[in-house]
Amino acid sequence: MIIQAIGWAGTTLLLLGFYLLSKGKMQGRSYNYQLTQFFGAVGIGISAFAQHAWPAFAVEFVWAIIAGATLISLGRRGPSKRF
């Protein structure tokens, strides 16, 4: 039950970030957007791993790596000024 809740929380974060990006409320190079993508991917990845859903786990693993690398890059260069 907890694993499913983690998966749903991750799904909510990913979709919320994508929605706000699509509406122009966030920028792709902002900390907030990348944090939603990182933690969303980790949440879904945990759920996928626990359920042995390997293709979904692979996607979320790579998604989290990309978001994490972008967060590190933002830390070095500075974030976008916009939310």
PDB file of N, CA and C in Angstrom:
ATOM      1  N   MET A   1       0.821  -1.197   0.000  1.00  0.00           N
ATOM      2  CA  MET A   1       0.000   0.000   0.000  1.00  0.00           C
ATOM      3  C   MET A   1       0.866   1.264   0.000  1.00  0.00           C
ATOM      4  N   ILE A   2       1.934   1.271   0.801  1.00  0.00           N
ATOM      5  CA  ILE A   2       2.811   2.442   0.852  1.00  0.00           C
ATOM      6  C   ILE A   2       3.523   2.623  -0.482  1.00  0.00           C
ATOM      7  N   ILE A   3       3.926   1.525  -1.103  1.00  0.00           N
ATOM      8  CA  ILE A   3       4.617   1.600  -2.392  1.00  0.00           C
ATOM      9  C   ILE A   3       3.707   2.236  -3.438  1.00  0.00           C
ATOM     10  N   GLN A   4       2.430   1.867  -3.428  1.00  0.00           N
ATOM     11  CA  GLN A   4       1.495   2.463  -4.379  1.00  0.00           C
ATOM     12  C   GLN A   4       1.312   3.949  -4.102  1.00  0.00           C
ATOM     13  N   ALA A   5       1.258   4.332  -2.828  1.00  0.00           N
ATOM     14  CA  ALA A   5       1.129   5.749  -2.478  1.00  0.00           C
ATOM     15  C   ALA A   5       2.345   6.532  -2.965  1.00  0.00           C
ATOM     16  N   ILE A   6       3.527   5.946  -2.834  1.00  0.00           N
ATOM     17  CA  ILE A   6       4.748   6.593  -3.333  1.00  0.00           C
ATOM     18  C   ILE A   6       4.671   6.753  -4.848  1.00  0.00           C
ATOM     19  N   GLY A   7       4.188   5.717  -5.531  1.00  0.00           N
ATOM     20  CA  GLY A   7       4.032   5.789  -6.979  1.00  0.00           C
ATOM     21  C   GLY A   7       3.044   6.862  -7.402  1.00  0.00           C
ATOM     22  N   TRP A   8       1.918   6.937  -6.700  1.00  0.00           N
ATOM     23  CA  TRP A   8       0.926   7.963  -7.034  1.00  0.00           C
ATOM     24  C   TRP A   8       1.441   9.372  -6.726  1.00  0.00           C
ATOM     25  N   ALA A   9       2.180   9.523  -5.648  1.00  0.00           N
ATOM     26  CA  ALA A   9       2.772  10.833  -5.342  1.00  0.00           C
ATOM     27  C   ALA A   9       3.753  11.230  -6.440  1.00  0.00           C
ATOM     28  N   GLY A  10       4.561  10.280  -6.899  1.00  0.00           N
ATOM     29  CA  GLY A  10       5.485  10.550  -7.997  1.00  0.00           C
ATOM     30  C   GLY A  10       4.760  10.930  -9.272  1.00  0.00           C
ATOM     31  N   THR A  11       3.688  10.212  -9.575  1.00  0.00           N
ATOM     32  CA  THR A  11       2.889  10.522 -10.760  1.00  0.00           C
ATOM     33  C   THR A  11       2.324  11.932 -10.667  1.00  0.00           C
ATOM     34  N   THR A  12       1.817  12.290  -9.494  1.00  0.00           N
ATOM     35  CA  THR A  12       1.263  13.627  -9.288  1.00  0.00           C
ATOM     36  C   THR A  12       2.329  14.696  -9.505  1.00  0.00           C
ATOM     37  N   LEU A  13       3.519  14.477  -8.968  1.00  0.00           N
ATOM     38  CA  LEU A  13       4.604  15.449  -9.141  1.00  0.00           C
ATOM     39  C   LEU A  13       4.996  15.612 -10.605  1.00  0.00           C
ATOM     40  N   LEU A  14       5.164  14.490 -11.313  1.00  0.00           N
ATOM     41  CA  LEU A  14       5.541  14.570 -12.728  1.00  0.00           C
ATOM     42  C   LEU A  14       4.497  15.324 -13.532  1.00  0.00           C
ATOM     43  N   LEU A  15       3.236  14.969 -13.335  1.00  0.00           N
ATOM     44  CA  LEU A  15       2.170  15.611 -14.105  1.00  0.00           C
ATOM     45  C   LEU A  15       1.991  17.076 -13.727  1.00  0.00           C
ATOM     46  N   LEU A  16       2.112  17.392 -12.448  1.00  0.00           N
ATOM     47  CA  LEU A  16       2.003  18.784 -12.017  1.00  0.00           C
ATOM     48  C   LEU A  16       3.112  19.629 -12.635  1.00  0.00           C
ATOM     49  N   GLY A  17       4.327  19.124 -12.584  1.00  0.00           N
ATOM     50  CA  GLY A  17       5.443  19.854 -13.189  1.00  0.00           C
ATOM     51  C   GLY A  17       5.244  20.062 -14.679  1.00  0.00           C
ATOM     52  N   PHE A  18       4.811  19.016 -15.383  1.00  0.00           N
ATOM     53  CA  PHE A  18       4.590  19.120 -16.825  1.00  0.00           C
ATOM     54  C   PHE A  18       3.456  20.091 -17.138  1.00  0.00           C
ATOM     55  N   TYR A  19       2.387  20.046 -16.356  1.00  0.00           N
ATOM     56  CA  TYR A  19       1.263  20.964 -16.551  1.00  0.00           C
ATOM     57  C   TYR A  19       1.717  22.414 -16.370  1.00  0.00           C
ATOM     58  N   LEU A  20       2.427  22.682 -15.273  1.00  0.00           N
ATOM     59  CA  LEU A  20       2.882  24.052 -15.015  1.00  0.00           C
ATOM     60  C   LEU A  20       3.874  24.524 -16.074  1.00  0.00           C
ATOM     61  N   LEU A  21       4.724  23.638 -16.551  1.00  0.00           N
ATOM     62  CA  LEU A  21       5.643  23.982 -17.635  1.00  0.00           C
ATOM     63  C   LEU A  21       4.859  24.320 -18.900  1.00  0.00           C
ATOM     64  N   SER A  22       3.877  23.507 -19.232  1.00  0.00           N
ATOM     65  CA  SER A  22       3.077  23.708 -20.440  1.00  0.00           C
ATOM     66  C   SER A  22       2.268  24.993 -20.389  1.00  0.00           C
ATOM     67  N   LYS A  23       1.849  25.394 -19.196  1.00  0.00           N
ATOM     68  CA  LYS A  23       1.074  26.624 -19.026  1.00  0.00           C
ATOM     69  C   LYS A  23       1.960  27.863 -18.880  1.00  0.00           C
ATOM     70  N   GLY A  24       3.271  27.684 -18.910  1.00  0.00           N
ATOM     71  CA  GLY A  24       4.180  28.813 -18.787  1.00  0.00           C
ATOM     72  C   GLY A  24       4.371  29.294 -17.361  1.00  0.00           C
ATOM     73  N   LYS A  25       3.959  28.496 -16.391  1.00  0.00           N
ATOM     74  CA  LYS A  25       4.095  28.877 -14.979  1.00  0.00           C
ATOM     75  C   LYS A  25       5.450  28.472 -14.407  1.00  0.00           C
ATOM     76  N   MET A  26       6.150  27.582 -15.104  1.00  0.00           N
ATOM     77  CA  MET A  26       7.495  27.148 -14.714  1.00  0.00           C
ATOM     78  C   MET A  26       8.368  27.156 -15.951  1.00  0.00           C
ATOM     79  N   GLN A  27       9.660  27.236 -15.725  1.00  0.00           N
ATOM     80  CA  GLN A  27      10.617  27.091 -16.818  1.00  0.00           C
ATOM     81  C   GLN A  27      11.356  25.770 -16.639  1.00  0.00           C
ATOM     82  N   GLY A  28      11.704  25.174 -17.743  1.00  0.00           N
ATOM     83  CA  GLY A  28      12.360  23.878 -17.707  1.00  0.00           C
ATOM     84  C   GLY A  28      13.688  23.880 -16.973  1.00  0.00           C
ATOM     85  N   ARG A  29      14.363  25.014 -16.924  1.00  0.00           N
ATOM     86  CA  ARG A  29      15.663  25.090 -16.253  1.00  0.00           C
ATOM     87  C   ARG A  29      15.538  25.659 -14.841  1.00  0.00           C
ATOM     88  N   SER A  30      14.343  25.581 -14.261  1.00  0.00           N
ATOM     89  CA  SER A  30      14.176  26.066 -12.886  1.00  0.00           C
ATOM     90  C   SER A  30      14.368  24.915 -11.897  1.00  0.00           C
ATOM     91  N   TYR A  31      14.786  25.270 -10.683  1.00  0.00           N
ATOM     92  CA  TYR A  31      14.930  24.253  -9.636  1.00  0.00           C
ATOM     93  C   TYR A  31      13.602  23.543  -9.392  1.00  0.00           C
ATOM     94  N   ASN A  32      12.524  24.332  -9.283  1.00  0.00           N
ATOM     95  CA  ASN A  32      11.231  23.737  -8.953  1.00  0.00           C
ATOM     96  C   ASN A  32      10.805  22.698  -9.977  1.00  0.00           C
ATOM     97  N   TYR A  33      10.954  23.004 -11.251  1.00  0.00           N
ATOM     98  CA  TYR A  33      10.563  22.044 -12.279  1.00  0.00           C
ATOM     99  C   TYR A  33      11.424  20.789 -12.189  1.00  0.00           C
ATOM    100  N   GLN A  34      12.720  20.967 -12.089  1.00  0.00           N
ATOM    101  CA  GLN A  34      13.614  19.810 -12.045  1.00  0.00           C
ATOM    102  C   GLN A  34      13.400  18.982 -10.777  1.00  0.00           C
ATOM    103  N   LEU A  35      13.060  19.633  -9.673  1.00  0.00           N
ATOM    104  CA  LEU A  35      12.754  18.890  -8.449  1.00  0.00           C
ATOM    105  C   LEU A  35      11.492  18.052  -8.612  1.00  0.00           C
ATOM    106  N   THR A  36      10.458  18.618  -9.265  1.00  0.00           N
ATOM    107  CA  THR A  36       9.247  17.819  -9.496  1.00  0.00           C
ATOM    108  C   THR A  36       9.565  16.619 -10.369  1.00  0.00           C
ATOM    109  N   GLN A  37      10.419  16.809 -11.355  1.00  0.00           N
ATOM    110  CA  GLN A  37      10.758  15.705 -12.252  1.00  0.00           C
ATOM    111  C   GLN A  37      11.617  14.656 -11.553  1.00  0.00           C
ATOM    112  N   PHE A  38      12.567  15.109 -10.758  1.00  0.00           N
ATOM    113  CA  PHE A  38      13.438  14.166 -10.048  1.00  0.00           C
ATOM    114  C   PHE A  38      12.647  13.323  -9.045  1.00  0.00           C
ATOM    115  N   PHE A  39      11.933  14.001  -8.144  1.00  0.00           N
ATOM    116  CA  PHE A  39      11.217  13.258  -7.106  1.00  0.00           C
ATOM    117  C   PHE A  39      10.033  12.481  -7.673  1.00  0.00           C
ATOM    118  N   GLY A  40       9.419  13.014  -8.725  1.00  0.00           N
ATOM    119  CA  GLY A  40       8.360  12.260  -9.389  1.00  0.00           C
ATOM    120  C   GLY A  40       8.886  10.975  -9.988  1.00  0.00           C
ATOM    121  N   ALA A  41      10.005  11.062 -10.684  1.00  0.00           N
ATOM    122  CA  ALA A  41      10.603   9.871 -11.299  1.00  0.00           C
ATOM    123  C   ALA A  41      11.059   8.870 -10.244  1.00  0.00           C
ATOM    124  N   VAL A  42      11.619   9.358  -9.151  1.00  0.00           N
ATOM    125  CA  VAL A  42      12.046   8.458  -8.075  1.00  0.00           C
ATOM    126  C   VAL A  42      10.834   7.738  -7.478  1.00  0.00           C
ATOM    127  N   GLY A  43       9.753   8.475  -7.239  1.00  0.00           N
ATOM    128  CA  GLY A  43       8.550   7.856  -6.679  1.00  0.00           C
ATOM    129  C   GLY A  43       7.969   6.781  -7.581  1.00  0.00           C
ATOM    130  N   ILE A  44       7.832   7.098  -8.850  1.00  0.00           N
ATOM    131  CA  ILE A  44       7.312   6.108  -9.800  1.00  0.00           C
ATOM    132  C   ILE A  44       8.299   4.956  -9.940  1.00  0.00           C
ATOM    133  N   GLY A  45       9.582   5.279  -9.941  1.00  0.00           N
ATOM    134  CA  GLY A  45      10.602   4.240 -10.056  1.00  0.00           C
ATOM    135  C   GLY A  45      10.564   3.252  -8.900  1.00  0.00           C
ATOM    136  N   ILE A  46      10.364   3.747  -7.693  1.00  0.00           N
ATOM    137  CA  ILE A  46      10.252   2.864  -6.526  1.00  0.00           C
ATOM    138  C   ILE A  46       9.067   1.919  -6.692  1.00  0.00           C
ATOM    139  N   SER A  47       7.942   2.475  -7.111  1.00  0.00           N
ATOM    140  CA  SER A  47       6.751   1.656  -7.323  1.00  0.00           C
ATOM    141  C   SER A  47       6.970   0.627  -8.429  1.00  0.00           C
ATOM    142  N   ALA A  48       7.567   1.052  -9.528  1.00  0.00           N
ATOM    143  CA  ALA A  48       7.817   0.141 -10.652  1.00  0.00           C
ATOM    144  C   ALA A  48       8.785  -0.971 -10.245  1.00  0.00           C
ATOM    145  N   PHE A  49       9.823  -0.617  -9.500  1.00  0.00           N
ATOM    146  CA  PHE A  49      10.794  -1.615  -9.043  1.00  0.00           C
ATOM    147  C   PHE A  49      10.122  -2.665  -8.158  1.00  0.00           C
ATOM    148  N   ALA A  50       9.309  -2.193  -7.220  1.00  0.00           N
ATOM    149  CA  ALA A  50       8.641  -3.106  -6.287  1.00  0.00           C
ATOM    150  C   ALA A  50       7.691  -4.061  -7.003  1.00  0.00           C
ATOM    151  N   GLN A  51       7.146  -3.602  -8.127  1.00  0.00           N
ATOM    152  CA  GLN A  51       6.202  -4.431  -8.883  1.00  0.00           C
ATOM    153  C   GLN A  51       6.882  -5.179 -10.029  1.00  0.00           C
ATOM    154  N   HIS A  52       8.187  -5.101 -10.102  1.00  0.00           N
ATOM    155  CA  HIS A  52       8.968  -5.749 -11.166  1.00  0.00           C
ATOM    156  C   HIS A  52       8.539  -5.279 -12.552  1.00  0.00           C
ATOM    157  N   ALA A  53       8.146  -4.026 -12.651  1.00  0.00           N
ATOM    158  CA  ALA A  53       7.773  -3.437 -13.942  1.00  0.00           C
ATOM    159  C   ALA A  53       9.040  -2.812 -14.526  1.00  0.00           C
ATOM    160  N   TRP A  54       9.905  -3.648 -15.076  1.00  0.00           N
ATOM    161  CA  TRP A  54      11.249  -3.237 -15.473  1.00  0.00           C
ATOM    162  C   TRP A  54      11.285  -2.168 -16.559  1.00  0.00           C
ATOM    163  N   PRO A  55      10.441  -2.216 -17.590  1.00  0.00           N
ATOM    164  CA  PRO A  55      10.491  -1.130 -18.580  1.00  0.00           C
ATOM    165  C   PRO A  55      10.156   0.235 -17.956  1.00  0.00           C
ATOM    166  N   ALA A  56       9.131   0.268 -17.107  1.00  0.00           N
ATOM    167  CA  ALA A  56       8.773   1.525 -16.439  1.00  0.00           C
ATOM    168  C   ALA A  56       9.884   1.963 -15.485  1.00  0.00           C
ATOM    169  N   PHE A  57      10.482   1.009 -14.783  1.00  0.00           N
ATOM    170  CA  PHE A  57      11.591   1.338 -13.889  1.00  0.00           C
ATOM    171  C   PHE A  57      12.750   1.949 -14.670  1.00  0.00           C
ATOM    172  N   ALA A  58      13.070   1.372 -15.829  1.00  0.00           N
ATOM    173  CA  ALA A  58      14.181   1.878 -16.644  1.00  0.00           C
ATOM    174  C   ALA A  58      13.933   3.318 -17.079  1.00  0.00           C
ATOM    175  N   VAL A  59      12.712   3.606 -17.515  1.00  0.00           N
ATOM    176  CA  VAL A  59      12.377   4.978 -17.936  1.00  0.00           C
ATOM    177  C   VAL A  59      12.537   5.940 -16.770  1.00  0.00           C
ATOM    178  N   GLU A  60      12.004   5.582 -15.624  1.00  0.00           N
ATOM    179  CA  GLU A  60      12.059   6.479 -14.469  1.00  0.00           C
ATOM    180  C   GLU A  60      13.473   6.625 -13.923  1.00  0.00           C
ATOM    181  N   PHE A  61      14.265   5.572 -14.004  1.00  0.00           N
ATOM    182  CA  PHE A  61      15.659   5.633 -13.581  1.00  0.00           C
ATOM    183  C   PHE A  61      16.419   6.656 -14.425  1.00  0.00           C
ATOM    184  N   VAL A  62      16.258   6.567 -15.736  1.00  0.00           N
ATOM    185  CA  VAL A  62      16.929   7.513 -16.640  1.00  0.00           C
ATOM    186  C   VAL A  62      16.375   8.917 -16.433  1.00  0.00           C
ATOM    187  N   TRP A  63      15.055   9.035 -16.260  1.00  0.00           N
ATOM    188  CA  TRP A  63      14.417  10.333 -16.035  1.00  0.00           C
ATOM    189  C   TRP A  63      15.011  11.002 -14.793  1.00  0.00           C
ATOM    190  N   ALA A  64      15.172  10.244 -13.719  1.00  0.00           N
ATOM    191  CA  ALA A  64      15.738  10.788 -12.485  1.00  0.00           C
ATOM    192  C   ALA A  64      17.197  11.191 -12.674  1.00  0.00           C
ATOM    193  N   ILE A  65      17.955  10.418 -13.435  1.00  0.00           N
ATOM    194  CA  ILE A  65      19.353  10.774 -13.707  1.00  0.00           C
ATOM    195  C   ILE A  65      19.426  12.091 -14.473  1.00  0.00           C
ATOM    196  N   ILE A  66      18.579  12.244 -15.480  1.00  0.00           N
ATOM    197  CA  ILE A  66      18.578  13.484 -16.267  1.00  0.00           C
ATOM    198  C   ILE A  66      18.207  14.670 -15.387  1.00  0.00           C
ATOM    199  N   ALA A  67      17.148  14.534 -14.599  1.00  0.00           N
ATOM    200  CA  ALA A  67      16.731  15.627 -13.718  1.00  0.00           C
ATOM    201  C   ALA A  67      17.803  15.919 -12.669  1.00  0.00           C
ATOM    202  N   GLY A  68      18.407  14.879 -12.113  1.00  0.00           N
ATOM    203  CA  GLY A  68      19.471  15.076 -11.124  1.00  0.00           C
ATOM    204  C   GLY A  68      20.676  15.783 -11.710  1.00  0.00           C
ATOM    205  N   ALA A  69      21.064  15.383 -12.916  1.00  0.00           N
ATOM    206  CA  ALA A  69      22.196  16.039 -13.585  1.00  0.00           C
ATOM    207  C   ALA A  69      21.875  17.499 -13.876  1.00  0.00           C
ATOM    208  N   THR A  70      20.632  17.767 -14.247  1.00  0.00           N
ATOM    209  CA  THR A  70      20.233  19.152 -14.512  1.00  0.00           C
ATOM    210  C   THR A  70      20.253  19.965 -13.227  1.00  0.00           C
ATOM    211  N   LEU A  71      19.810  19.379 -12.123  1.00  0.00           N
ATOM    212  CA  LEU A  71      19.864  20.085 -10.837  1.00  0.00           C
ATOM    213  C   LEU A  71      21.304  20.422 -10.458  1.00  0.00           C
ATOM    214  N   ILE A  72      22.212  19.500 -10.675  1.00  0.00           N
ATOM    215  CA  ILE A  72      23.629  19.759 -10.396  1.00  0.00           C
ATOM    216  C   ILE A  72      24.134  20.887 -11.284  1.00  0.00           C
ATOM    217  N   SER A  73      23.771  20.846 -12.551  1.00  0.00           N
ATOM    218  CA  SER A  73      24.170  21.893 -13.489  1.00  0.00           C
ATOM    219  C   SER A  73      23.618  23.250 -13.066  1.00  0.00           C
ATOM    220  N   LEU A  74      22.366  23.274 -12.629  1.00  0.00           N
ATOM    221  CA  LEU A  74      21.761  24.528 -12.171  1.00  0.00           C
ATOM    222  C   LEU A  74      22.482  25.059 -10.940  1.00  0.00           C
ATOM    223  N   GLY A  75      22.911  24.160 -10.083  1.00  0.00           N
ATOM    224  CA  GLY A  75      23.649  24.573  -8.890  1.00  0.00           C
ATOM    225  C   GLY A  75      24.964  25.242  -9.235  1.00  0.00           C
ATOM    226  N   ARG A  76      25.554  24.822 -10.331  1.00  0.00           N
ATOM    227  CA  ARG A  76      26.833  25.406 -10.762  1.00  0.00           C
ATOM    228  C   ARG A  76      26.646  26.723 -11.501  1.00  0.00           C
ATOM    229  N   ARG A  77      25.606  26.795 -12.317  1.00  0.00           N
ATOM    230  CA  ARG A  77      25.396  27.976 -13.166  1.00  0.00           C
ATOM    231  C   ARG A  77      24.374  28.950 -12.613  1.00  0.00           C
ATOM    232  N   GLY A  78      23.519  28.473 -11.751  1.00  0.00           N
ATOM    233  CA  GLY A  78      22.444  29.302 -11.230  1.00  0.00           C
ATOM    234  C   GLY A  78      21.151  29.002 -11.962  1.00  0.00           C
ATOM    235  N   PRO A  79      20.046  29.033 -11.230  1.00  0.00           N
ATOM    236  CA  PRO A  79      18.757  28.682 -11.815  1.00  0.00           C
ATOM    237  C   PRO A  79      18.174  29.805 -12.659  1.00  0.00           C
ATOM    238  N   SER A  80      17.159  29.450 -13.405  1.00  0.00           N
ATOM    239  CA  SER A  80      16.359  30.446 -14.102  1.00  0.00           C
ATOM    240  C   SER A  80      15.707  31.325 -13.041  1.00  0.00           C
ATOM    241  N   LYS A  81      15.483  32.569 -13.343  1.00  0.00           N
ATOM    242  CA  LYS A  81      14.883  33.480 -12.379  1.00  0.00           C
ATOM    243  C   LYS A  81      13.402  33.177 -12.149  1.00  0.00           C
ATOM    244  N   ARG A  82      12.770  32.545 -13.119  1.00  0.00           N
ATOM    245  CA  ARG A  82      11.342  32.316 -13.041  1.00  0.00           C
ATOM    246  C   ARG A  82      11.034  31.038 -12.290  1.00  0.00           C
ATOM    247  N   PHE A  83       9.954  31.020 -11.534  1.00  0.00           N
ATOM    248  CA  PHE A  83       9.443  29.885 -10.769  1.00  0.00           C
ATOM    249  C   PHE A  83       9.612  28.622 -11.553  1.00  0.00           C
TER     250      PHE A  83
END
